[in-house]
Amino acid sequence: MKRFEHIQLQRREAHLASANAAWAELSAKLDALGVEYRLFGSYLEGRFLEHSDIDLMIMGDLGTDTRQRVRRVVSAAQASWHVEFDMYFAADLTPQACEALLGN
């Protein structure tokens, strides 16, 4: 393995470790809020790379206060672990858009 490839692998592994920690923290907080969610994309599919984000769909029709709480816990996880979350609220999308994103 060349030096560049080794460095790239180390960065990818570090980013994945941060993503795993961020997701563990965030999913526990979403569970505590009683929010239903689904992961999709590269993190779920095991194709998470050095610059990947975590794709997250928040399910259900949430009130304004709950949406704000969700946004705060997602922002906190991003800041703590330096991992981006690409978050969608299913209620804001058409059923076809949800299906396309979630791969149903």
C-alpha atoms as a PDB file:
ATOM      1  CA  MET A   1       0.000   0.000   0.000  1.00  0.00           C
ATOM      2  CA  LYS A   2       1.363   3.382  -0.969  1.00  0.00           C
ATOM      3  CA  ARG A   3       1.733   6.126   1.616  1.00  0.00           C
ATOM      4  CA  PHE A   4      -1.127   8.160   0.136  1.00  0.00           C
ATOM      5  CA  GLU A   5      -3.455   5.149   0.180  1.00  0.00           C
ATOM      6  CA  HIS A   6      -2.500   4.440   3.778  1.00  0.00           C
ATOM      7  CA  ILE A   7      -3.251   8.028   4.832  1.00  0.00           C
ATOM      8  CA  GLN A   8      -6.555   7.952   2.963  1.00  0.00           C
ATOM      9  CA  LEU A   9      -7.518   4.685   4.668  1.00  0.00           C
ATOM     10  CA  GLN A  10      -6.646   6.105   8.096  1.00  0.00           C
ATOM     11  CA  ARG A  11      -8.784   9.181   7.442  1.00  0.00           C
ATOM     12  CA  ARG A  12     -11.684   7.060   6.219  1.00  0.00           C
ATOM     13  CA  GLU A  13     -11.479   4.840   9.314  1.00  0.00           C
ATOM     14  CA  ALA A  14     -11.313   7.876  11.629  1.00  0.00           C
ATOM     15  CA  HIS A  15     -14.311   9.469   9.913  1.00  0.00           C
ATOM     16  CA  LEU A  16     -16.274   6.219  10.175  1.00  0.00           C
ATOM     17  CA  ALA A  17     -15.441   5.935  13.886  1.00  0.00           C
ATOM     18  CA  SER A  18     -16.699   9.494  14.412  1.00  0.00           C
ATOM     19  CA  ALA A  19     -19.826   8.726  12.383  1.00  0.00           C
ATOM     20  CA  ASN A  20     -20.523   5.627  14.478  1.00  0.00           C
ATOM     21  CA  ALA A  21     -20.165   7.637  17.694  1.00  0.00           C
ATOM     22  CA  ALA A  22     -22.292  10.485  16.346  1.00  0.00           C
ATOM     23  CA  TRP A  23     -25.012   8.090  15.237  1.00  0.00           C
ATOM     24  CA  ALA A  24     -25.014   6.253  18.585  1.00  0.00           C
ATOM     25  CA  GLU A  25     -25.427   9.563  20.409  1.00  0.00           C
ATOM     26  CA  LEU A  26     -28.041  10.951  18.037  1.00  0.00           C
ATOM     27  CA  SER A  27     -30.163   7.802  17.761  1.00  0.00           C
ATOM     28  CA  ALA A  28     -30.341   7.579  21.579  1.00  0.00           C
ATOM     29  CA  LYS A  29     -31.534  11.193  21.751  1.00  0.00           C
ATOM     30  CA  LEU A  30     -34.090  10.702  18.973  1.00  0.00           C
ATOM     31  CA  ASP A  31     -35.366   7.586  20.739  1.00  0.00           C
ATOM     32  CA  ALA A  32     -35.691   9.578  23.978  1.00  0.00           C
ATOM     33  CA  LEU A  33     -37.750  12.178  22.095  1.00  0.00           C
ATOM     34  CA  GLY A  34     -39.992   9.418  20.743  1.00  0.00           C
ATOM     35  CA  VAL A  35     -39.122  10.325  17.156  1.00  0.00           C
ATOM     36  CA  GLU A  36     -39.312   7.721  14.413  1.00  0.00           C
ATOM     37  CA  TYR A  37     -36.454   7.861  11.895  1.00  0.00           C
ATOM     38  CA  ARG A  38     -34.825   5.910   9.095  1.00  0.00           C
ATOM     39  CA  LEU A  39     -31.278   5.911   7.818  1.00  0.00           C
ATOM     40  CA  PHE A  40     -30.497   5.621   4.135  1.00  0.00           C
ATOM     41  CA  GLY A  41     -27.552   6.156   1.834  1.00  0.00           C
ATOM     42  CA  SER A  42     -23.879   5.328   2.085  1.00  0.00           C
ATOM     43  CA  TYR A  43     -23.687   4.999   5.881  1.00  0.00           C
ATOM     44  CA  LEU A  44     -26.504   2.468   5.965  1.00  0.00           C
ATOM     45  CA  GLU A  45     -25.185   0.632   2.904  1.00  0.00           C
ATOM     46  CA  GLY A  46     -21.596   0.351   4.181  1.00  0.00           C
ATOM     47  CA  ARG A  47     -20.167   2.683   1.539  1.00  0.00           C
ATOM     48  CA  PHE A  48     -19.238   5.471   3.958  1.00  0.00           C
ATOM     49  CA  LEU A  49     -16.108   7.321   2.837  1.00  0.00           C
ATOM     50  CA  GLU A  50     -13.873  10.062   4.183  1.00  0.00           C
ATOM     51  CA  HIS A  51     -16.169  12.911   3.125  1.00  0.00           C
ATOM     52  CA  SER A  52     -19.527  11.129   3.425  1.00  0.00           C
ATOM     53  CA  ASP A  53     -22.444  12.362   5.471  1.00  0.00           C
ATOM     54  CA  ILE A  54     -25.184  10.421   7.246  1.00  0.00           C
ATOM     55  CA  ASP A  55     -28.562  10.536   5.487  1.00  0.00           C
ATOM     56  CA  LEU A  56     -31.481  10.663   7.894  1.00  0.00           C
ATOM     57  CA  MET A  57     -35.242  10.732   7.323  1.00  0.00           C
ATOM     58  CA  ILE A  58     -37.418  11.898  10.217  1.00  0.00           C
ATOM     59  CA  MET A  59     -40.756  10.135   9.927  1.00  0.00           C
ATOM     60  CA  GLY A  60     -44.212  11.314  10.950  1.00  0.00           C
ATOM     61  CA  ASP A  61     -45.925  14.661  11.158  1.00  0.00           C
ATOM     62  CA  LEU A  62     -44.102  16.417  14.002  1.00  0.00           C
ATOM     63  CA  GLY A  63     -45.128  19.613  15.685  1.00  0.00           C
ATOM     64  CA  THR A  64     -42.986  22.735  15.591  1.00  0.00           C
ATOM     65  CA  ASP A  65     -41.515  22.179  19.068  1.00  0.00           C
ATOM     66  CA  THR A  66     -40.498  18.593  18.313  1.00  0.00           C
ATOM     67  CA  ARG A  67     -38.965  19.628  14.982  1.00  0.00           C
ATOM     68  CA  GLN A  68     -36.903  22.254  16.792  1.00  0.00           C
ATOM     69  CA  ARG A  69     -35.721  19.679  19.336  1.00  0.00           C
ATOM     70  CA  VAL A  70     -34.767  17.315  16.515  1.00  0.00           C
ATOM     71  CA  ARG A  71     -32.829  20.072  14.753  1.00  0.00           C
ATOM     72  CA  ARG A  72     -30.998  20.922  17.991  1.00  0.00           C
ATOM     73  CA  VAL A  73     -29.939  17.341  18.741  1.00  0.00           C
ATOM     74  CA  VAL A  74     -28.798  16.847  15.135  1.00  0.00           C
ATOM     75  CA  SER A  75     -26.795  20.084  15.244  1.00  0.00           C
ATOM     76  CA  ALA A  76     -25.230  19.082  18.559  1.00  0.00           C
ATOM     77  CA  ALA A  77     -24.174  15.679  17.201  1.00  0.00           C
ATOM     78  CA  GLN A  78     -22.680  17.330  14.114  1.00  0.00           C
ATOM     79  CA  ALA A  79     -20.713  19.799  16.218  1.00  0.00           C
ATOM     80  CA  SER A  80     -19.506  17.196  18.724  1.00  0.00           C
ATOM     81  CA  TRP A  81     -18.333  14.629  16.197  1.00  0.00           C
ATOM     82  CA  HIS A  82     -17.600  16.722  13.063  1.00  0.00           C
ATOM     83  CA  VAL A  83     -19.889  14.536  10.984  1.00  0.00           C
ATOM     84  CA  GLU A  84     -22.556  16.026   8.743  1.00  0.00           C
ATOM     85  CA  PHE A  85     -26.129  14.782   8.760  1.00  0.00           C
ATOM     86  CA  ASP A  86     -28.303  15.298   5.696  1.00  0.00           C
ATOM     87  CA  MET A  87     -31.722  15.380   7.356  1.00  0.00           C
ATOM     88  CA  TYR A  88     -35.161  15.329   5.757  1.00  0.00           C
ATOM     89  CA  PHE A  89     -38.615  15.496   7.324  1.00  0.00           C
ATOM     90  CA  ALA A  90     -40.848  12.979   5.563  1.00  0.00           C
ATOM     91  CA  ALA A  91     -43.901  15.177   6.141  1.00  0.00           C
ATOM     92  CA  ASP A  92     -42.320  17.860   3.939  1.00  0.00           C
ATOM     93  CA  LEU A  93     -41.851  15.499   0.988  1.00  0.00           C
ATOM     94  CA  THR A  94     -44.177  13.797  -1.420  1.00  0.00           C
ATOM     95  CA  PRO A  95     -44.622  10.042  -0.948  1.00  0.00           C
ATOM     96  CA  GLN A  96     -42.737   9.558  -4.230  1.00  0.00           C
ATOM     97  CA  ALA A  97     -39.786  11.632  -2.992  1.00  0.00           C
ATOM     98  CA  CYS A  98     -39.666   9.680   0.281  1.00  0.00           C
ATOM     99  CA  GLU A  99     -39.764   6.425  -1.615  1.00  0.00           C
ATOM    100  CA  ALA A 100     -36.979   7.553  -3.933  1.00  0.00           C
ATOM    101  CA  LEU A 101     -34.739   8.586  -1.045  1.00  0.00           C
ATOM    102  CA  LEU A 102     -35.438   5.576   1.151  1.00  0.00           C
ATOM    103  CA  GLY A 103     -35.271   3.111  -1.711  1.00  0.00           C
ATOM    104  CA  ASN A 104     -38.608   1.458  -0.953  1.00  0.00           C
END
